[in-house]
Amino acid sequence: MQEFLQLTPIQQNILIASIIGDGEITKLYKSRRKNHSYREHFSKQQEEYRKWKISFFDGLLYITHKSCCVRSPSMSLFTKLYPYFYDHNGSKHLPTSLLSYCTLPHFLSILYMDDGSLCISARVNAQKKKIYLTPHIYLYLQCYSPNELELLKQHILEVFGITFRLSSRTDGQGFILKTTSVKDTFRFLEMIFPITQDCLSMHYKTNWQKRLQQEELKCCR
């Protein structure tokens, strides 16, 4: 793990969150390369976000535009990280022993921007002519088991003071994480915004004032 410890704390937090989220550790060209590498597919609409993300890594990660991928060279860093994220069958699991490194808001920011959404429910009070908007943070981590999500939920509560709950789904392993109180939703957004404010393409998720304006326009149509 020496290579991992040589990364800055910010890089460690972003990398762990990325592999939990959209990224993967893979071994391409098995016949020619000894080590694993990092790979992360993205849609064209998310290219600006991926550029922003890799700017933290001083060239360790790069983008191949033709295939819309974030990649790394083949290197021992990812070979040594592989068993923390994958079992012997190659199935992804939560790297519980690495969560102790995930103490910066960068961890939550990447986990959310990779695999989360800001969902807003609207309630109309016709008598008072008012619309009430209730925001929730969802982390779509249904590829992980309920037990793993419980561990992640507890980690986020202990380190960041934000409460998530398990919410059932019909896909994956059946559960995701979501905030159930407005207080926790706003605490989450306030915590990550100093990190994400210069990632303009993700403001629909991270900038509450901008998102509120968008929702108000929808309700007025």
C-alpha atoms as a PDB file:
ATOM      1  CA  MET A   1       0.000   0.000   0.000  1.00  0.00           C
ATOM      2  CA  GLN A   2       3.031   2.272  -0.142  1.00  0.00           C
ATOM      3  CA  GLU A   3       1.925   3.759  -3.475  1.00  0.00           C
ATOM      4  CA  PHE A   4      -1.520   4.529  -2.085  1.00  0.00           C
ATOM      5  CA  LEU A   5      -0.056   6.227   0.983  1.00  0.00           C
ATOM      6  CA  GLN A   6       2.089   8.392  -1.270  1.00  0.00           C
ATOM      7  CA  LEU A   7      -1.077   9.978  -2.674  1.00  0.00           C
ATOM      8  CA  THR A   8      -2.308  13.127  -0.977  1.00  0.00           C
ATOM      9  CA  PRO A   9      -5.314  12.736   1.380  1.00  0.00           C
ATOM     10  CA  ILE A  10      -7.496  14.496  -1.220  1.00  0.00           C
ATOM     11  CA  GLN A  11      -6.360  12.077  -3.932  1.00  0.00           C
ATOM     12  CA  GLN A  12      -6.973   9.106  -1.619  1.00  0.00           C
ATOM     13  CA  ASN A  13     -10.519  10.268  -0.857  1.00  0.00           C
ATOM     14  CA  ILE A  14     -11.360  10.967  -4.502  1.00  0.00           C
ATOM     15  CA  LEU A  15      -9.856   7.711  -5.745  1.00  0.00           C
ATOM     16  CA  ILE A  16     -11.649   5.502  -3.215  1.00  0.00           C
ATOM     17  CA  ALA A  17     -14.977   7.226  -3.915  1.00  0.00           C
ATOM     18  CA  SER A  18     -14.420   6.909  -7.669  1.00  0.00           C
ATOM     19  CA  ILE A  19     -13.772   3.174  -7.498  1.00  0.00           C
ATOM     20  CA  ILE A  20     -16.803   2.691  -5.231  1.00  0.00           C
ATOM     21  CA  GLY A  21     -18.797   4.739  -7.752  1.00  0.00           C
ATOM     22  CA  ASP A  22     -18.321   4.808 -11.523  1.00  0.00           C
ATOM     23  CA  GLY A  23     -14.739   3.576 -11.714  1.00  0.00           C
ATOM     24  CA  GLU A  24     -13.270   0.109 -11.893  1.00  0.00           C
ATOM     25  CA  ILE A  25      -9.901  -1.563 -11.517  1.00  0.00           C
ATOM     26  CA  THR A  26      -9.235  -3.720 -14.528  1.00  0.00           C
ATOM     27  CA  LYS A  27      -6.465  -5.719 -16.128  1.00  0.00           C
ATOM     28  CA  LEU A  28      -6.428  -5.088 -19.860  1.00  0.00           C
ATOM     29  CA  TYR A  29      -3.998  -6.793 -22.197  1.00  0.00           C
ATOM     30  CA  LYS A  30      -3.558  -9.669 -19.770  1.00  0.00           C
ATOM     31  CA  SER A  31      -0.879 -11.342 -21.834  1.00  0.00           C
ATOM     32  CA  ARG A  32       1.385  -8.301 -21.886  1.00  0.00           C
ATOM     33  CA  ARG A  33       0.836  -6.364 -18.696  1.00  0.00           C
ATOM     34  CA  LYS A  34       1.600  -7.410 -15.178  1.00  0.00           C
ATOM     35  CA  ASN A  35      -0.353  -4.725 -13.335  1.00  0.00           C
ATOM     36  CA  HIS A  36      -3.919  -3.453 -13.220  1.00  0.00           C
ATOM     37  CA  SER A  37      -5.150  -0.044 -14.299  1.00  0.00           C
ATOM     38  CA  TYR A  38      -8.047   2.282 -13.600  1.00  0.00           C
ATOM     39  CA  ARG A  39     -10.954   2.785 -16.004  1.00  0.00           C
ATOM     40  CA  GLU A  40     -14.108   4.885 -15.797  1.00  0.00           C
ATOM     41  CA  HIS A  41     -16.642   5.190 -18.606  1.00  0.00           C
ATOM     42  CA  PHE A  42     -18.718   8.329 -18.921  1.00  0.00           C
ATOM     43  CA  SER A  43     -21.275   9.914 -21.214  1.00  0.00           C
ATOM     44  CA  LYS A  44     -20.325  12.876 -23.377  1.00  0.00           C
ATOM     45  CA  GLN A  45     -22.508  15.093 -21.193  1.00  0.00           C
ATOM     46  CA  GLN A  46     -20.276  14.353 -18.201  1.00  0.00           C
ATOM     47  CA  GLU A  47     -16.940  15.067 -19.834  1.00  0.00           C
ATOM     48  CA  GLU A  48     -16.458  18.397 -18.049  1.00  0.00           C
ATOM     49  CA  TYR A  49     -17.017  16.715 -14.692  1.00  0.00           C
ATOM     50  CA  ARG A  50     -14.430  14.025 -15.497  1.00  0.00           C
ATOM     51  CA  LYS A  51     -11.928  16.687 -16.547  1.00  0.00           C
ATOM     52  CA  TRP A  52     -12.529  18.423 -13.237  1.00  0.00           C
ATOM     53  CA  LYS A  53     -12.047  15.157 -11.335  1.00  0.00           C
ATOM     54  CA  ILE A  54      -8.762  14.163 -12.961  1.00  0.00           C
ATOM     55  CA  SER A  55      -7.347  17.661 -12.375  1.00  0.00           C
ATOM     56  CA  PHE A  56      -6.676  16.547  -8.786  1.00  0.00           C
ATOM     57  CA  PHE A  57      -4.289  13.781  -9.886  1.00  0.00           C
ATOM     58  CA  ASP A  58      -1.326  15.510 -11.527  1.00  0.00           C
ATOM     59  CA  GLY A  59      -1.384  13.294 -14.617  1.00  0.00           C
ATOM     60  CA  LEU A  60      -2.031   9.964 -12.886  1.00  0.00           C
ATOM     61  CA  LEU A  61      -5.415   9.784 -14.662  1.00  0.00           C
ATOM     62  CA  TYR A  62      -6.157  10.884 -18.204  1.00  0.00           C
ATOM     63  CA  ILE A  63      -9.080  10.929 -20.642  1.00  0.00           C
ATOM     64  CA  THR A  64      -9.342   9.032 -23.903  1.00  0.00           C
ATOM     65  CA  HIS A  65     -11.920  11.106 -25.745  1.00  0.00           C
ATOM     66  CA  LYS A  66     -12.728   8.591 -28.480  1.00  0.00           C
ATOM     67  CA  SER A  67     -13.870   5.945 -26.002  1.00  0.00           C
ATOM     68  CA  CYS A  68     -15.138   8.441 -23.384  1.00  0.00           C
ATOM     69  CA  CYS A  69     -13.035   6.908 -20.626  1.00  0.00           C
ATOM     70  CA  VAL A  70     -10.934   8.073 -17.733  1.00  0.00           C
ATOM     71  CA  ARG A  71      -7.891   5.820 -17.580  1.00  0.00           C
ATOM     72  CA  SER A  72      -4.594   5.303 -15.810  1.00  0.00           C
ATOM     73  CA  PRO A  73      -1.398   3.585 -16.851  1.00  0.00           C
ATOM     74  CA  SER A  74      -0.990  -0.026 -15.800  1.00  0.00           C
ATOM     75  CA  MET A  75       0.667   0.246 -12.386  1.00  0.00           C
ATOM     76  CA  SER A  76       1.198  -1.581  -9.108  1.00  0.00           C
ATOM     77  CA  LEU A  77      -0.954   0.964  -7.225  1.00  0.00           C
ATOM     78  CA  PHE A  78      -4.090  -0.526  -8.783  1.00  0.00           C
ATOM     79  CA  THR A  79      -2.867  -4.117  -8.546  1.00  0.00           C
ATOM     80  CA  LYS A  80      -2.485  -3.678  -4.798  1.00  0.00           C
ATOM     81  CA  LEU A  81      -5.828  -1.875  -4.455  1.00  0.00           C
ATOM     82  CA  TYR A  82      -7.729  -4.536  -6.430  1.00  0.00           C
ATOM     83  CA  PRO A  83      -8.367  -7.021  -3.550  1.00  0.00           C
ATOM     84  CA  TYR A  84      -9.787  -4.230  -1.391  1.00  0.00           C
ATOM     85  CA  PHE A  85     -12.585  -3.673  -3.924  1.00  0.00           C
ATOM     86  CA  TYR A  86     -13.152  -7.109  -5.507  1.00  0.00           C
ATOM     87  CA  ASP A  87     -13.618 -10.649  -4.220  1.00  0.00           C
ATOM     88  CA  HIS A  88     -12.024 -13.750  -5.733  1.00  0.00           C
ATOM     89  CA  ASN A  89     -14.866 -13.972  -8.280  1.00  0.00           C
ATOM     90  CA  GLY A  90     -14.276 -10.413  -9.467  1.00  0.00           C
ATOM     91  CA  SER A  91     -17.454  -9.049  -7.867  1.00  0.00           C
ATOM     92  CA  LYS A  92     -17.186  -5.528  -6.504  1.00  0.00           C
ATOM     93  CA  HIS A  93     -17.542  -4.953  -2.789  1.00  0.00           C
ATOM     94  CA  LEU A  94     -17.176  -2.018  -0.440  1.00  0.00           C
ATOM     95  CA  PRO A  95     -13.552  -1.488   0.708  1.00  0.00           C
ATOM     96  CA  THR A  96     -14.449  -1.344   4.411  1.00  0.00           C
ATOM     97  CA  SER A  97     -10.823  -1.408   5.555  1.00  0.00           C
ATOM     98  CA  LEU A  98     -10.121   1.733   3.492  1.00  0.00           C
ATOM     99  CA  LEU A  99     -12.996   3.790   4.894  1.00  0.00           C
ATOM    100  CA  SER A 100     -10.727   5.098   7.657  1.00  0.00           C
ATOM    101  CA  TYR A 101      -8.988   7.174   4.970  1.00  0.00           C
ATOM    102  CA  CYS A 102     -12.292   8.660   3.781  1.00  0.00           C
ATOM    103  CA  THR A 103     -12.606  11.624   6.091  1.00  0.00           C
ATOM    104  CA  LEU A 104     -12.668  14.590   3.696  1.00  0.00           C
ATOM    105  CA  PRO A 105     -15.727  16.152   2.003  1.00  0.00           C
ATOM    106  CA  HIS A 106     -14.076  15.190  -1.293  1.00  0.00           C
ATOM    107  CA  PHE A 107     -15.126  11.595  -0.584  1.00  0.00           C
ATOM    108  CA  LEU A 108     -18.805  12.519  -0.291  1.00  0.00           C
ATOM    109  CA  SER A 109     -18.555  14.908  -3.257  1.00  0.00           C
ATOM    110  CA  ILE A 110     -17.283  12.266  -5.689  1.00  0.00           C
ATOM    111  CA  LEU A 111     -19.540   9.511  -4.363  1.00  0.00           C
ATOM    112  CA  TYR A 112     -22.501  11.832  -4.931  1.00  0.00           C
ATOM    113  CA  MET A 113     -21.499  13.254  -8.309  1.00  0.00           C
ATOM    114  CA  ASP A 114     -20.673   9.768  -9.621  1.00  0.00           C
ATOM    115  CA  ASP A 115     -23.685   7.891  -8.307  1.00  0.00           C
ATOM    116  CA  GLY A 116     -26.110  10.273  -6.666  1.00  0.00           C
ATOM    117  CA  SER A 117     -28.933  12.635  -7.410  1.00  0.00           C
ATOM    118  CA  LEU A 118     -30.806  15.516  -5.816  1.00  0.00           C
ATOM    119  CA  CYS A 119     -34.463  14.527  -5.931  1.00  0.00           C
ATOM    120  CA  ILE A 120     -37.122  17.084  -5.098  1.00  0.00           C
ATOM    121  CA  SER A 121     -40.726  16.328  -4.254  1.00  0.00           C
ATOM    122  CA  ALA A 122     -43.315  19.073  -4.677  1.00  0.00           C
ATOM    123  CA  ARG A 123     -46.498  19.582  -2.671  1.00  0.00           C
ATOM    124  CA  VAL A 124     -49.057  22.184  -3.698  1.00  0.00           C
ATOM    125  CA  ASN A 125     -51.225  23.974  -1.173  1.00  0.00           C
ATOM    126  CA  ALA A 126     -53.971  25.392  -3.384  1.00  0.00           C
ATOM    127  CA  GLN A 127     -55.663  27.261  -0.547  1.00  0.00           C
ATOM    128  CA  LYS A 128     -52.524  29.204   0.355  1.00  0.00           C
ATOM    129  CA  LYS A 129     -51.303  29.255  -3.244  1.00  0.00           C
ATOM    130  CA  LYS A 130     -47.923  27.893  -2.177  1.00  0.00           C
ATOM    131  CA  ILE A 131     -45.668  25.130  -3.453  1.00  0.00           C
ATOM    132  CA  TYR A 132     -43.534  23.272  -0.927  1.00  0.00           C
ATOM    133  CA  LEU A 133     -40.341  21.635  -2.228  1.00  0.00           C
ATOM    134  CA  THR A 134     -38.639  18.886  -0.226  1.00  0.00           C
ATOM    135  CA  PRO A 135     -35.119  17.849  -1.322  1.00  0.00           C
ATOM    136  CA  HIS A 136     -33.470  14.466  -0.735  1.00  0.00           C
ATOM    137  CA  ILE A 137     -30.006  13.144  -1.539  1.00  0.00           C
ATOM    138  CA  TYR A 138     -29.942   9.683  -3.121  1.00  0.00           C
ATOM    139  CA  LEU A 139     -26.810   7.544  -3.473  1.00  0.00           C
ATOM    140  CA  TYR A 140     -27.504   4.806  -6.027  1.00  0.00           C
ATOM    141  CA  LEU A 141     -25.200   2.136  -4.647  1.00  0.00           C
ATOM    142  CA  GLN A 142     -27.486  -0.836  -5.195  1.00  0.00           C
ATOM    143  CA  CYS A 143     -24.601  -2.993  -6.420  1.00  0.00           C
ATOM    144  CA  TYR A 144     -23.504  -3.302  -2.776  1.00  0.00           C
ATOM    145  CA  SER A 145     -25.113  -5.521  -0.152  1.00  0.00           C
ATOM    146  CA  PRO A 146     -27.361  -4.106   2.606  1.00  0.00           C
ATOM    147  CA  ASN A 147     -24.681  -4.982   5.186  1.00  0.00           C
ATOM    148  CA  GLU A 148     -22.075  -3.008   3.259  1.00  0.00           C
ATOM    149  CA  LEU A 149     -24.423  -0.047   2.898  1.00  0.00           C
ATOM    150  CA  GLU A 150     -25.067  -0.151   6.640  1.00  0.00           C
ATOM    151  CA  LEU A 151     -21.314   0.136   7.230  1.00  0.00           C
ATOM    152  CA  LEU A 152     -21.039   3.025   4.794  1.00  0.00           C
ATOM    153  CA  LYS A 153     -24.074   4.720   6.354  1.00  0.00           C
ATOM    154  CA  GLN A 154     -22.513   4.435   9.807  1.00  0.00           C
ATOM    155  CA  HIS A 155     -19.188   5.762   8.552  1.00  0.00           C
ATOM    156  CA  ILE A 156     -20.846   8.834   7.007  1.00  0.00           C
ATOM    157  CA  LEU A 157     -22.743   9.497  10.244  1.00  0.00           C
ATOM    158  CA  GLU A 158     -19.692   9.142  12.476  1.00  0.00           C
ATOM    159  CA  VAL A 159     -17.296  11.142  10.300  1.00  0.00           C
ATOM    160  CA  PHE A 160     -19.551  13.730   8.650  1.00  0.00           C
ATOM    161  CA  GLY A 161     -22.557  13.859  10.966  1.00  0.00           C
ATOM    162  CA  ILE A 162     -25.070  13.172   8.178  1.00  0.00           C
ATOM    163  CA  THR A 163     -27.787  10.544   8.523  1.00  0.00           C
ATOM    164  CA  PHE A 164     -28.699   8.328   5.582  1.00  0.00           C
ATOM    165  CA  ARG A 165     -31.262   5.538   5.529  1.00  0.00           C
ATOM    166  CA  LEU A 166     -31.494   2.404   3.423  1.00  0.00           C
ATOM    167  CA  SER A 167     -34.252   2.631   0.837  1.00  0.00           C
ATOM    168  CA  SER A 168     -35.488  -0.407  -1.080  1.00  0.00           C
ATOM    169  CA  ARG A 169     -35.089  -0.855  -4.839  1.00  0.00           C
ATOM    170  CA  THR A 170     -36.032  -3.583  -7.306  1.00  0.00           C
ATOM    171  CA  ASP A 171     -32.620  -3.731  -8.993  1.00  0.00           C
ATOM    172  CA  GLY A 172     -29.099  -4.640  -7.885  1.00  0.00           C
ATOM    173  CA  GLN A 173     -28.969  -5.978  -4.352  1.00  0.00           C
ATOM    174  CA  GLY A 174     -32.159  -4.187  -3.446  1.00  0.00           C
ATOM    175  CA  PHE A 175     -31.127  -1.051  -1.557  1.00  0.00           C
ATOM    176  CA  ILE A 176     -29.741   2.468  -1.948  1.00  0.00           C
ATOM    177  CA  LEU A 177     -28.942   5.234   0.540  1.00  0.00           C
ATOM    178  CA  LYS A 178     -31.026   8.397   0.929  1.00  0.00           C
ATOM    179  CA  THR A 179     -31.411  11.292   3.314  1.00  0.00           C
ATOM    180  CA  THR A 180     -34.814  11.445   4.940  1.00  0.00           C
ATOM    181  CA  SER A 181     -34.609  14.851   6.608  1.00  0.00           C
ATOM    182  CA  VAL A 182     -34.276  18.254   4.972  1.00  0.00           C
ATOM    183  CA  LYS A 183     -31.698  19.159   7.624  1.00  0.00           C
ATOM    184  CA  ASP A 184     -29.400  16.312   6.549  1.00  0.00           C
ATOM    185  CA  THR A 185     -29.913  17.142   2.871  1.00  0.00           C
ATOM    186  CA  PHE A 186     -28.843  20.754   3.354  1.00  0.00           C
ATOM    187  CA  ARG A 187     -25.966  19.756   5.628  1.00  0.00           C
ATOM    188  CA  PHE A 188     -24.735  17.449   2.895  1.00  0.00           C
ATOM    189  CA  LEU A 189     -24.984  20.129   0.177  1.00  0.00           C
ATOM    190  CA  GLU A 190     -23.335  22.753   2.371  1.00  0.00           C
ATOM    191  CA  MET A 191     -20.486  20.385   3.174  1.00  0.00           C
ATOM    192  CA  ILE A 192     -19.622  19.518  -0.420  1.00  0.00           C
ATOM    193  CA  PHE A 193     -20.212  22.895  -2.081  1.00  0.00           C
ATOM    194  CA  PRO A 194     -16.802  24.408  -1.214  1.00  0.00           C
ATOM    195  CA  ILE A 195     -15.301  21.438  -3.071  1.00  0.00           C
ATOM    196  CA  THR A 196     -17.701  21.349  -6.014  1.00  0.00           C
ATOM    197  CA  GLN A 197     -18.454  25.017  -6.637  1.00  0.00           C
ATOM    198  CA  ASP A 198     -15.966  25.299  -9.521  1.00  0.00           C
ATOM    199  CA  CYS A 199     -17.410  22.196 -11.224  1.00  0.00           C
ATOM    200  CA  LEU A 200     -20.107  24.141 -13.040  1.00  0.00           C
ATOM    201  CA  SER A 201     -21.490  21.228 -15.044  1.00  0.00           C
ATOM    202  CA  MET A 202     -22.628  19.564 -11.798  1.00  0.00           C
ATOM    203  CA  HIS A 203     -24.375  22.557 -10.268  1.00  0.00           C
ATOM    204  CA  TYR A 204     -27.758  20.982 -10.974  1.00  0.00           C
ATOM    205  CA  LYS A 205     -26.774  18.513  -8.236  1.00  0.00           C
ATOM    206  CA  THR A 206     -24.586  20.605  -5.964  1.00  0.00           C
ATOM    207  CA  ASN A 207     -25.816  24.207  -6.105  1.00  0.00           C
ATOM    208  CA  TRP A 208     -29.089  24.411  -4.182  1.00  0.00           C
ATOM    209  CA  GLN A 209     -29.893  27.991  -5.180  1.00  0.00           C
ATOM    210  CA  LYS A 210     -29.513  27.201  -8.868  1.00  0.00           C
ATOM    211  CA  ARG A 211     -31.549  24.011  -8.554  1.00  0.00           C
ATOM    212  CA  LEU A 212     -34.241  25.825  -6.590  1.00  0.00           C
ATOM    213  CA  GLN A 213     -34.598  28.397  -9.362  1.00  0.00           C
ATOM    214  CA  GLN A 214     -34.978  25.602 -11.914  1.00  0.00           C
ATOM    215  CA  GLU A 215     -37.648  23.855  -9.838  1.00  0.00           C
ATOM    216  CA  GLU A 216     -39.559  27.084  -9.248  1.00  0.00           C
ATOM    217  CA  LEU A 217     -39.656  27.734 -12.993  1.00  0.00           C
ATOM    218  CA  LYS A 218     -41.037  24.229 -13.566  1.00  0.00           C
ATOM    219  CA  CYS A 219     -43.763  24.735 -10.995  1.00  0.00           C
ATOM    220  CA  CYS A 220     -44.801  28.067 -12.511  1.00  0.00           C
ATOM    221  CA  ARG A 221     -45.330  26.680 -16.025  1.00  0.00           C
END
